[in-house]
Amino acid sequence: MKLEVTRWVEEQPPSEAALREIYTSEGMQPYSWSNGPGDRYSPHSHGYHKVIYVLRGSKTWILPELDKRVETGPGDRLDLPSGTLHAAEVGSQGGTCLEGHL
């Protein structure tokens, strides 16, 4: 699997229930987590594939090995393969995400 960002293209962001249905249809059990405005995560990686949807607010994902920054907002999906080095910055409104693992 590869790193992929899927943008939400509808005018209204999805509901939490709608996103949970997507996870379920893909065989995942999502959980939610939130951060305050300006919170940061240092570069790190995981031994599993993460699927993250931004539910509210925004997050900027920093991918140092790719020299890339990816901004995400409500409804946007980030597929982050196992072992991908990443960091994150939370936007000025804070952020809530749903996360599942493949």
Foldseek 3Di string as FASTA:
>chain_A
DDKDKDADDDPDFDAPVVVCVVQVVVPWHKDKDWWAAFDKFAKDFAQFKKKKAWQAFKKWKQQPVVRDIDIGGGGMIITHGGPGIIMMTTHNHITMMIMTTD
